[in-house]
């Protein structure tokens, strides 16, 4: 009854805003269905706008230090308001059409796969375009690239037409899985699963030099080139005596959530689920407290990572079983393994990064900041020599950002006990829904510790 009353009040306000001839025309045509759908879309529009404003509020970290950093970033900061309004417009247009509701299960399956194929073709074409402009044997680069440019324009147009339908289908599939796991209110996920694929912003992460702690996270325009990133880091580090790093991100828990465009459905379903989990938490104490302390940020990110993997995997198993990654082959029993000379151990990224973080924490705790930074650079070179060329920098800001995603042991989190406590609570919980419904009402690391210890 409360919902019905609220809906009626909003409709009354709309009658005053629109000319009476508009509503009279609707009645003269006896088009009650159209009027009903109009008001239904208006209700949804208002609800989505409120959710977008509420759920997006937690992405703005306050503080004087943040303003000091922003002195270097104001001209290249990402416009969340503009992006959110555009994403809401895309979602409302698709909701008005509802074309995905008229597709069979097989057609929905094929639509998503067709969209992923278009993304693959676009990525391959862009790679080929880069090759043309880098090939010294191509003299007239513009003429050579022209047919490919036209083909890419056609592919992008097809992708743009198909993307809203594919997104609506995947949203529905994630919603169905979330509902089957019991994560609903009144039979529906709250908030509704909404995401939009885009080129996400870069994130400028700032940490003190003497301790690993994320103090600032400022979003930069997606077209911020690597040379500009490096120059920005140098300016911020020099002026503020901090450690900074511009990192790439896969998604952001605004509303609708922002997800990087990809052709990997395994990764896509996981990230959509991860970011929806952030939206779920933001309506509860844990999410509201995201910025209150480094420990609560780690709890939030580790919780979302655990849930994202479980929900994303369930989406693949239910709707795209042919794309489920195969399990690793079982190891042969020791009795049948052939004897052979011991080979040098493989370079394990997760293990080596864990060891690096532990040693850095020890050096910083002893006040040896310069030694810690020299050690990190030496380790970065070692990672580079083993093929990990994406590590442009390895510093305090790197560990402050990546150390919060502690859904698996080891890695950049080092010996931090927070992620381990979240994993223990999940292991103690009989279901994902019980785990989320329990941890989401916590607002301190102490509460989590007591829950893990059974107190």
Foldseek 3Di string as FASTA:
>chain_A
DVVVVVLVVVVVVVCVVDDPVVVVVCVVVVVVVVVVVVSVLVVVLVVLVVLLVLQVPVQDDDDPVQVVLCVLAVVFFDDPVVVQVVQSVLQSVCVSVVVLVPDDLVRLLVLLLVLLVLVVVLVVLVVVLVCLVVDPVNDPSCVVCVVSVVVNVVSVVVNVVSQSSNQVSLLVLLFVLCLVQVCPDPSTHVPRQAEHADQFFKWKFKAALLAQATDDTTTGHSPCDPVNQVVSQVVCCVVVVIGIHTGGDQWALRVNIYGYDHSQLLVVQLVSQLSVLLSVLSVAQLNVLCPVGLLSVLLSQQLSNVRSNVSSLVSCVVRPVVNRDDDDDDDDPPVPDDDDDDDPDQDDQQALQLVLLQVLNVCSVVVNSVVNQVSQVVVLVVVVVNPPVVCPGGGSRVLNPVLSNPNDPGHSVHPDCSSVLLNLLVVVDPGSSVSSVVVSNDNDSVVSVCVSVVD
